[in-house]
């Protein structure tokens, strides 16, 4: 009868080389940290052009290009559109979202509460019935429909 041994835990060792492979000998082995010295072609090009490896916003990229190329904002924006299409797409998406929210807010501000519409209908009926001005009809409707008038005032 063989006893199962606990796996050995290696501590405080110096590794001179570590090769990452697609089919490890120990499937439970884990690499928790590694560094690389090889850059992608894109990273190498950006470093040669003295560009940072990434920007968070299109404005950051445009500002960098203005300073690097010594050009105006319009030219820098054109260059940024060529070099950083994902930032331009993100910028446009954010702009569309802002416009959508503004349109919703505007539509809400133009929508009148039901209480206002109800009371104004009462005013129209009184004006038509009595043949008076809108101001007089509003005064009479406030007296005749106190509940509708109270809701109108609180809306």
N, C-alpha and C. Protein backbone atom coordinates (compact mmCIF):
# COMPACT_ATOMS: atom_id res chain seq x y z
N UNK A 1 0.85 -1.17 0.00
CA UNK A 1 0.00 0.00 0.00
C UNK A 1 0.90 1.24 0.00
N UNK A 2 0.66 2.11 -1.00
CA UNK A 2 1.49 3.32 -1.10
C UNK A 2 0.78 4.48 -0.45
N UNK A 3 1.54 5.29 0.22
CA UNK A 3 0.99 6.48 0.84
C UNK A 3 1.10 7.65 -0.13
N UNK A 4 0.05 8.46 -0.14
CA UNK A 4 0.11 9.66 -0.98
C UNK A 4 0.96 10.70 -0.28
N UNK A 5 1.88 11.26 -1.04
CA UNK A 5 2.73 12.30 -0.48
C UNK A 5 2.16 13.66 -0.82
N UNK A 6 2.35 14.56 0.10
CA UNK A 6 1.94 15.94 -0.16
C UNK A 6 2.93 16.56 -1.15
N UNK A 7 2.47 17.40 -2.04
CA UNK A 7 3.40 18.02 -2.99
C UNK A 7 4.39 18.91 -2.25
N UNK A 8 5.58 18.95 -2.76
CA UNK A 8 6.62 19.79 -2.16
C UNK A 8 6.36 21.25 -2.52
N UNK A 9 6.57 22.12 -1.57
CA UNK A 9 6.42 23.55 -1.82
C UNK A 9 7.82 24.15 -1.84
N UNK A 10 8.15 24.74 -2.97
CA UNK A 10 9.48 25.33 -3.12
C UNK A 10 9.43 26.76 -2.60
N UNK A 11 10.38 27.09 -1.74
CA UNK A 11 10.42 28.42 -1.16
C UNK A 11 11.83 28.99 -1.29
N UNK A 12 11.92 30.27 -1.48
CA UNK A 12 13.18 30.99 -1.51
C UNK A 12 14.19 30.35 -2.45
N UNK A 13 13.79 30.21 -3.71
CA UNK A 13 14.73 29.67 -4.70
C UNK A 13 15.01 30.75 -5.73
N UNK A 14 16.14 30.63 -6.38
CA UNK A 14 16.49 31.56 -7.45
C UNK A 14 16.31 30.85 -8.78
N UNK A 15 15.49 31.42 -9.63
CA UNK A 15 15.29 30.87 -10.96
C UNK A 15 16.10 31.71 -11.95
N UNK A 16 16.84 31.03 -12.78
CA UNK A 16 17.62 31.74 -13.79
C UNK A 16 16.89 31.75 -15.12
N UNK A 17 15.98 30.83 -15.29
CA UNK A 17 15.19 30.82 -16.52
C UNK A 17 13.88 30.12 -16.23
N UNK A 18 12.84 30.65 -16.81
CA UNK A 18 11.53 30.05 -16.69
C UNK A 18 10.93 30.06 -18.09
N UNK A 19 10.56 28.92 -18.58
CA UNK A 19 9.99 28.83 -19.91
C UNK A 19 8.50 28.55 -19.78
N UNK A 20 7.69 29.40 -20.38
CA UNK A 20 6.25 29.18 -20.38
C UNK A 20 5.89 28.33 -21.59
N UNK A 21 5.14 27.30 -21.34
CA UNK A 21 4.77 26.36 -22.41
C UNK A 21 3.26 26.18 -22.45
N UNK A 22 2.77 25.67 -23.58
CA UNK A 22 1.33 25.49 -23.68
C UNK A 22 0.86 24.16 -23.10
N UNK A 23 1.76 23.20 -22.86
CA UNK A 23 1.41 21.92 -22.25
C UNK A 23 2.36 21.66 -21.07
N UNK A 24 2.02 22.19 -19.88
CA UNK A 24 2.94 22.05 -18.75
C UNK A 24 3.02 20.62 -18.24
N UNK A 25 4.17 20.29 -17.64
CA UNK A 25 4.35 18.96 -17.05
C UNK A 25 3.48 18.83 -15.81
N UNK A 26 3.31 19.91 -15.07
CA UNK A 26 2.48 19.90 -13.88
C UNK A 26 1.27 20.81 -14.12
N UNK A 27 0.10 20.25 -14.32
CA UNK A 27 -1.07 21.07 -14.63
C UNK A 27 -1.51 21.96 -13.47
N UNK A 28 -1.00 21.70 -12.26
CA UNK A 28 -1.38 22.51 -11.11
C UNK A 28 -0.40 23.65 -10.86
N UNK A 29 0.67 23.70 -11.62
CA UNK A 29 1.66 24.77 -11.44
C UNK A 29 1.06 26.09 -11.90
N UNK A 30 1.37 27.15 -11.18
CA UNK A 30 0.83 28.46 -11.51
C UNK A 30 1.95 29.49 -11.54
N UNK A 31 1.89 30.38 -12.53
CA UNK A 31 2.82 31.50 -12.59
C UNK A 31 2.00 32.71 -12.18
N UNK A 32 2.43 33.37 -11.11
CA UNK A 32 1.65 34.49 -10.60
C UNK A 32 2.17 35.84 -11.05
N UNK A 33 3.42 35.89 -11.55
CA UNK A 33 3.99 37.15 -11.97
C UNK A 33 5.10 36.87 -12.98
N UNK A 34 5.14 37.65 -14.03
CA UNK A 34 6.26 37.55 -14.95
C UNK A 34 6.46 38.88 -15.65
N UNK A 35 7.65 39.08 -16.17
CA UNK A 35 8.00 40.28 -16.90
C UNK A 35 8.39 39.88 -18.32
N UNK A 36 8.29 40.82 -19.23
CA UNK A 36 8.72 40.51 -20.58
C UNK A 36 9.60 41.64 -21.09
N UNK A 37 10.50 41.30 -21.95
CA UNK A 37 11.41 42.28 -22.50
C UNK A 37 11.13 42.52 -23.98
N UNK A 38 10.17 41.83 -24.53
CA UNK A 38 9.88 41.93 -25.95
C UNK A 38 8.66 42.83 -26.13
N UNK A 39 8.78 43.80 -27.00
CA UNK A 39 7.67 44.71 -27.27
C UNK A 39 7.01 44.32 -28.59
N UNK A 40 5.74 44.65 -28.69
CA UNK A 40 5.04 44.43 -29.95
C UNK A 40 5.52 45.48 -30.95
N UNK A 41 5.23 45.26 -32.21
CA UNK A 41 5.64 46.20 -33.25
C UNK A 41 4.99 47.57 -33.02
N UNK A 42 3.73 47.55 -32.61
CA UNK A 42 3.01 48.80 -32.34
C UNK A 42 3.67 49.55 -31.19
N UNK A 43 4.01 48.85 -30.11
CA UNK A 43 4.66 49.50 -28.97
C UNK A 43 6.02 50.07 -29.37
N UNK A 44 6.76 49.31 -30.17
CA UNK A 44 8.08 49.78 -30.61
C UNK A 44 7.95 51.05 -31.44
N UNK A 45 6.96 51.08 -32.35
CA UNK A 45 6.72 52.26 -33.19
C UNK A 45 6.36 53.47 -32.34
N UNK A 46 5.49 53.26 -31.36
CA UNK A 46 5.07 54.36 -30.49
C UNK A 46 6.25 54.89 -29.68
N UNK A 47 7.10 54.00 -29.21
CA UNK A 47 8.27 54.44 -28.45
C UNK A 47 9.24 55.21 -29.33
N UNK A 48 9.41 54.78 -30.59
CA UNK A 48 10.30 55.48 -31.52
C UNK A 48 9.76 56.88 -31.82
N UNK A 49 8.45 57.02 -31.86
CA UNK A 49 7.84 58.32 -32.13
C UNK A 49 7.73 59.15 -30.85
N UNK A 50 8.25 58.61 -29.76
CA UNK A 50 8.21 59.28 -28.45
C UNK A 50 6.77 59.50 -27.99
N UNK A 51 5.89 58.53 -28.29
CA UNK A 51 4.51 58.60 -27.86
C UNK A 51 4.31 57.68 -26.66
N UNK A 52 3.47 58.09 -25.72
CA UNK A 52 3.14 57.18 -24.63
C UNK A 52 2.46 55.94 -25.19
N UNK A 53 2.52 54.84 -24.47
CA UNK A 53 1.95 53.60 -24.98
C UNK A 53 0.43 53.58 -24.97
N UNK A 54 -0.19 54.52 -24.33
CA UNK A 54 -1.64 54.54 -24.35
C UNK A 54 -2.19 55.84 -23.79
N UNK A 55 -3.41 56.17 -24.18
CA UNK A 55 -4.09 57.35 -23.68
C UNK A 55 -5.42 56.90 -23.13
N UNK A 56 -5.89 57.61 -22.10
CA UNK A 56 -7.20 57.30 -21.53
C UNK A 56 -8.33 57.95 -22.32
N UNK A 57 -8.06 59.14 -22.86
CA UNK A 57 -9.11 59.86 -23.57
C UNK A 57 -8.57 60.43 -24.88
N UNK A 58 -9.48 60.76 -25.76
CA UNK A 58 -9.10 61.39 -27.03
C UNK A 58 -8.47 62.75 -26.77
N UNK A 59 -8.96 63.47 -25.77
CA UNK A 59 -8.38 64.78 -25.45
C UNK A 59 -6.91 64.64 -25.05
N UNK A 60 -6.56 63.57 -24.30
CA UNK A 60 -5.16 63.35 -23.93
C UNK A 60 -4.31 63.13 -25.18
N UNK A 61 -4.83 62.32 -26.11
CA UNK A 61 -4.09 62.04 -27.35
C UNK A 61 -3.92 63.30 -28.19
N UNK A 62 -4.98 64.10 -28.30
CA UNK A 62 -4.92 65.33 -29.09
C UNK A 62 -3.92 66.31 -28.47
N UNK A 63 -3.98 66.47 -27.15
CA UNK A 63 -3.04 67.37 -26.47
C UNK A 63 -1.60 66.92 -26.68
N UNK A 64 -1.36 65.60 -26.60
CA UNK A 64 -0.02 65.08 -26.82
C UNK A 64 0.45 65.38 -28.25
N UNK A 65 -0.42 65.16 -29.22
CA UNK A 65 -0.05 65.41 -30.62
C UNK A 65 0.18 66.90 -30.87
N UNK A 66 -0.61 67.77 -30.25
CA UNK A 66 -0.38 69.20 -30.39
C UNK A 66 1.02 69.57 -29.91
N UNK A 67 1.38 69.04 -28.76
CA UNK A 67 2.69 69.36 -28.18
C UNK A 67 3.83 68.74 -28.98
N UNK A 68 3.64 67.49 -29.43
CA UNK A 68 4.69 66.78 -30.15
C UNK A 68 4.89 67.33 -31.56
N UNK A 69 3.77 67.54 -32.27
CA UNK A 69 3.84 67.99 -33.66
C UNK A 69 3.87 69.51 -33.78
N UNK A 70 3.67 70.20 -32.67
CA UNK A 70 3.64 71.68 -32.68
C UNK A 70 2.61 72.17 -33.69
N UNK A 71 1.38 71.69 -33.54
CA UNK A 71 0.32 72.05 -34.47
C UNK A 71 -0.92 72.48 -33.69
N UNK A 72 -1.92 72.94 -34.42
CA UNK A 72 -3.18 73.36 -33.82
C UNK A 72 -4.07 72.18 -33.46
N UNK A 73 -5.14 72.49 -32.77
CA UNK A 73 -6.05 71.44 -32.30
C UNK A 73 -6.72 70.70 -33.46
N UNK A 74 -7.09 71.42 -34.51
CA UNK A 74 -7.77 70.78 -35.64
C UNK A 74 -6.86 69.75 -36.31
N UNK A 75 -5.61 70.11 -36.58
CA UNK A 75 -4.67 69.17 -37.20
C UNK A 75 -4.38 68.00 -36.26
N UNK A 76 -4.22 68.30 -34.97
CA UNK A 76 -3.96 67.23 -34.00
C UNK A 76 -5.15 66.27 -33.92
N UNK A 77 -6.37 66.82 -34.03
CA UNK A 77 -7.57 65.98 -34.00
C UNK A 77 -7.61 65.06 -35.22
N UNK A 78 -7.22 65.59 -36.39
CA UNK A 78 -7.17 64.76 -37.60
C UNK A 78 -6.15 63.64 -37.45
N UNK A 79 -4.99 63.98 -36.93
CA UNK A 79 -3.96 62.95 -36.72
C UNK A 79 -4.41 61.92 -35.69
N UNK A 80 -5.05 62.38 -34.64
CA UNK A 80 -5.54 61.45 -33.61
C UNK A 80 -6.57 60.49 -34.19
N UNK A 81 -7.42 61.00 -35.08
CA UNK A 81 -8.43 60.14 -35.71
C UNK A 81 -7.77 59.03 -36.52
N UNK A 82 -6.63 59.33 -37.15
CA UNK A 82 -5.91 58.32 -37.93
C UNK A 82 -5.21 57.32 -37.01
N UNK A 83 -4.57 57.83 -35.98
CA UNK A 83 -3.74 56.98 -35.12
C UNK A 83 -4.49 56.23 -34.03
N UNK A 84 -5.59 56.81 -33.56
CA UNK A 84 -6.29 56.23 -32.41
C UNK A 84 -7.79 56.06 -32.69
N UNK A 85 -8.15 55.21 -33.64
CA UNK A 85 -9.57 55.08 -33.99
C UNK A 85 -10.44 54.58 -32.84
N UNK A 86 -9.88 53.79 -31.94
CA UNK A 86 -10.70 53.30 -30.81
C UNK A 86 -11.04 54.44 -29.85
N UNK A 87 -10.10 55.39 -29.67
CA UNK A 87 -10.40 56.54 -28.82
C UNK A 87 -11.45 57.43 -29.46
N UNK A 88 -11.40 57.57 -30.78
CA UNK A 88 -12.40 58.37 -31.50
C UNK A 88 -13.77 57.71 -31.36
N UNK A 89 -13.82 56.40 -31.51
CA UNK A 89 -15.10 55.68 -31.37
C UNK A 89 -15.66 55.85 -29.95
N UNK A 90 -14.79 55.74 -28.96
CA UNK A 90 -15.21 55.93 -27.56
C UNK A 90 -15.74 57.35 -27.35
N UNK A 91 -15.02 58.33 -27.89
CA UNK A 91 -15.42 59.74 -27.78
C UNK A 91 -16.80 59.95 -28.42
N UNK A 92 -17.00 59.39 -29.62
CA UNK A 92 -18.28 59.53 -30.31
C UNK A 92 -19.40 58.83 -29.56
N UNK A 93 -19.13 57.65 -29.01
CA UNK A 93 -20.14 56.93 -28.22
C UNK A 93 -20.56 57.74 -27.00
N UNK A 94 -19.57 58.32 -26.31
CA UNK A 94 -19.87 59.15 -25.14
C UNK A 94 -20.70 60.37 -25.55
N UNK A 95 -20.36 60.97 -26.69
CA UNK A 95 -21.12 62.13 -27.18
C UNK A 95 -22.55 61.77 -27.51
N UNK A 96 -22.75 60.62 -28.16
CA UNK A 96 -24.11 60.18 -28.47
C UNK A 96 -24.92 59.94 -27.20
N UNK A 97 -24.28 59.37 -26.18
CA UNK A 97 -24.97 59.10 -24.92
C UNK A 97 -25.36 60.41 -24.23
N UNK A 98 -24.48 61.39 -24.25
CA UNK A 98 -24.78 62.69 -23.65
C UNK A 98 -25.94 63.35 -24.40
N UNK A 99 -25.92 63.28 -25.72
CA UNK A 99 -27.00 63.87 -26.53
C UNK A 99 -28.33 63.15 -26.26
N UNK A 100 -28.28 61.83 -26.13
CA UNK A 100 -29.51 61.06 -25.86
C UNK A 100 -30.11 61.48 -24.52
N UNK A 101 -29.25 61.60 -23.48
CA UNK A 101 -29.75 62.00 -22.16
C UNK A 101 -30.30 63.42 -22.19
N UNK A 102 -29.64 64.31 -22.93
CA UNK A 102 -30.12 65.69 -23.03
C UNK A 102 -31.48 65.74 -23.72
N UNK A 103 -31.65 64.93 -24.76
CA UNK A 103 -32.93 64.89 -25.47
C UNK A 103 -34.03 64.36 -24.55
N UNK A 104 -33.70 63.34 -23.75
CA UNK A 104 -34.68 62.80 -22.80
C UNK A 104 -35.07 63.87 -21.77
N UNK A 105 -34.07 64.58 -21.24
CA UNK A 105 -34.35 65.63 -20.25
C UNK A 105 -35.22 66.73 -20.85
N UNK A 106 -34.94 67.10 -22.10
CA UNK A 106 -35.73 68.13 -22.76
C UNK A 106 -37.16 67.66 -22.96
N UNK A 107 -37.32 66.41 -23.38
CA UNK A 107 -38.67 65.87 -23.58
C UNK A 107 -39.44 65.85 -22.26
N UNK A 108 -38.75 65.49 -21.17
CA UNK A 108 -39.41 65.46 -19.86
C UNK A 108 -39.82 66.87 -19.44
N UNK A 109 -38.97 67.86 -19.72
CA UNK A 109 -39.29 69.23 -19.31
C UNK A 109 -40.46 69.79 -20.11
N UNK A 110 -40.65 69.29 -21.31
CA UNK A 110 -41.76 69.77 -22.14
C UNK A 110 -43.07 69.05 -21.83
N UNK A 111 -42.98 67.95 -21.14
CA UNK A 111 -44.18 67.19 -20.81
C UNK A 111 -44.86 67.86 -19.61
N UNK A 112 -46.11 68.14 -19.77
CA UNK A 112 -46.84 68.78 -18.68
C UNK A 112 -47.50 67.71 -17.84
N UNK A 113 -47.48 67.90 -16.53
CA UNK A 113 -48.14 66.92 -15.66
C UNK A 113 -49.63 66.83 -15.97
N UNK A 114 -50.22 65.70 -15.67
CA UNK A 114 -51.64 65.48 -15.93
C UNK A 114 -52.53 66.46 -15.20
N UNK A 115 -52.13 66.88 -14.00
CA UNK A 115 -52.94 67.82 -13.22
C UNK A 115 -53.06 69.16 -13.94
N UNK A 116 -51.98 69.58 -14.61
CA UNK A 116 -52.00 70.84 -15.35
C UNK A 116 -52.96 70.72 -16.52
N UNK A 117 -52.85 69.63 -17.25
CA UNK A 117 -53.74 69.43 -18.41
C UNK A 117 -55.20 69.33 -17.97
N UNK A 118 -55.46 68.65 -16.85
CA UNK A 118 -56.83 68.50 -16.36
C UNK A 118 -57.44 69.86 -16.01
N UNK A 119 -56.69 70.67 -15.28
CA UNK A 119 -57.21 71.98 -14.87
C UNK A 119 -57.40 72.88 -16.09
N UNK A 120 -56.46 72.82 -17.03
CA UNK A 120 -56.60 73.67 -18.22
C UNK A 120 -57.81 73.26 -19.06
N UNK A 121 -58.15 71.98 -19.04
CA UNK A 121 -59.38 71.54 -19.71
C UNK A 121 -60.60 72.15 -19.03
N UNK A 122 -60.57 72.19 -17.70
CA UNK A 122 -61.67 72.82 -16.95
C UNK A 122 -61.79 74.30 -17.32
N UNK A 123 -60.63 74.98 -17.41
CA UNK A 123 -60.62 76.40 -17.78
C UNK A 123 -61.21 76.58 -19.17
N UNK A 124 -60.82 75.71 -20.11
CA UNK A 124 -61.35 75.80 -21.48
C UNK A 124 -62.86 75.62 -21.50
N UNK A 125 -63.36 74.67 -20.69
CA UNK A 125 -64.82 74.43 -20.64
C UNK A 125 -65.55 75.65 -20.10
N UNK A 126 -65.00 76.23 -19.03
CA UNK A 126 -65.64 77.42 -18.43
C UNK A 126 -65.61 78.57 -19.43
N UNK A 127 -64.48 78.80 -20.11
CA UNK A 127 -64.38 79.89 -21.08
C UNK A 127 -65.38 79.70 -22.21
N UNK A 128 -65.53 78.47 -22.67
CA UNK A 128 -66.48 78.19 -23.75
C UNK A 128 -67.92 78.36 -23.26
N UNK A 129 -68.23 77.83 -22.09
CA UNK A 129 -69.58 77.89 -21.53
C UNK A 129 -70.01 79.32 -21.24
N UNK A 130 -69.10 80.10 -20.62
CA UNK A 130 -69.47 81.44 -20.17
C UNK A 130 -69.10 82.52 -21.19
N UNK A 131 -68.30 82.17 -22.19
CA UNK A 131 -67.91 83.16 -23.20
C UNK A 131 -67.08 84.28 -22.60
N UNK A 132 -66.15 83.93 -21.71
CA UNK A 132 -65.33 84.95 -21.04
C UNK A 132 -63.86 84.79 -21.42
N UNK A 133 -63.04 85.72 -20.95
CA UNK A 133 -61.60 85.65 -21.23
C UNK A 133 -60.98 84.48 -20.47
N UNK A 134 -59.79 84.13 -20.88
CA UNK A 134 -59.09 83.00 -20.23
C UNK A 134 -58.80 83.33 -18.76
N UNK A 135 -58.45 84.57 -18.48
CA UNK A 135 -58.16 84.97 -17.11
C UNK A 135 -59.39 84.80 -16.23
N UNK A 136 -60.54 85.27 -16.71
CA UNK A 136 -61.78 85.13 -15.95
C UNK A 136 -62.16 83.66 -15.83
N UNK A 137 -61.97 82.89 -16.90
CA UNK A 137 -62.29 81.46 -16.86
C UNK A 137 -61.41 80.73 -15.85
N UNK A 138 -60.17 81.16 -15.73
CA UNK A 138 -59.27 80.51 -14.77
C UNK A 138 -59.73 80.79 -13.34
N UNK A 139 -60.14 82.02 -13.08
CA UNK A 139 -60.63 82.39 -11.76
C UNK A 139 -61.89 81.58 -11.42
N UNK A 140 -62.82 81.50 -12.38
CA UNK A 140 -64.07 80.75 -12.15
C UNK A 140 -63.81 79.26 -12.01
N UNK A 141 -62.88 78.71 -12.83
CA UNK A 141 -62.56 77.27 -12.74
C UNK A 141 -61.94 76.94 -11.40
N UNK A 142 -61.13 77.86 -10.86
CA UNK A 142 -60.52 77.64 -9.54
C UNK A 142 -61.59 77.54 -8.46
N UNK A 143 -62.66 78.33 -8.61
CA UNK A 143 -63.76 78.29 -7.64
C UNK A 143 -64.63 77.04 -7.84
N UNK A 144 -64.89 76.70 -9.10
CA UNK A 144 -65.79 75.57 -9.40
C UNK A 144 -65.11 74.20 -9.23
N UNK A 145 -63.81 74.13 -9.46
CA UNK A 145 -63.09 72.85 -9.37
C UNK A 145 -61.89 73.00 -8.41
N UNK A 146 -62.16 73.15 -7.11
CA UNK A 146 -61.06 73.41 -6.16
C UNK A 146 -60.04 72.26 -6.09
N UNK A 147 -60.47 71.03 -6.24
CA UNK A 147 -59.54 69.89 -6.21
C UNK A 147 -58.58 69.91 -7.40
N UNK A 148 -59.11 70.18 -8.58
CA UNK A 148 -58.28 70.25 -9.80
C UNK A 148 -57.33 71.44 -9.71
N UNK A 149 -57.84 72.56 -9.11
CA UNK A 149 -56.99 73.75 -8.97
C UNK A 149 -55.86 73.49 -7.99
N UNK A 150 -56.13 72.81 -6.90
CA UNK A 150 -55.08 72.50 -5.91
C UNK A 150 -54.00 71.60 -6.52
N UNK A 151 -54.43 70.61 -7.32
CA UNK A 151 -53.46 69.71 -7.99
C UNK A 151 -52.64 70.49 -9.01
N UNK A 152 -53.29 71.42 -9.71
CA UNK A 152 -52.62 72.28 -10.69
C UNK A 152 -51.53 73.13 -10.03
N UNK A 153 -51.87 73.71 -8.88
CA UNK A 153 -50.91 74.55 -8.18
C UNK A 153 -49.73 73.76 -7.63
N UNK A 154 -49.97 72.53 -7.22
CA UNK A 154 -48.86 71.73 -6.65
C UNK A 154 -48.01 71.06 -7.74
N UNK A 155 -48.48 71.06 -8.99
CA UNK A 155 -47.71 70.41 -10.08
C UNK A 155 -46.58 71.26 -10.54
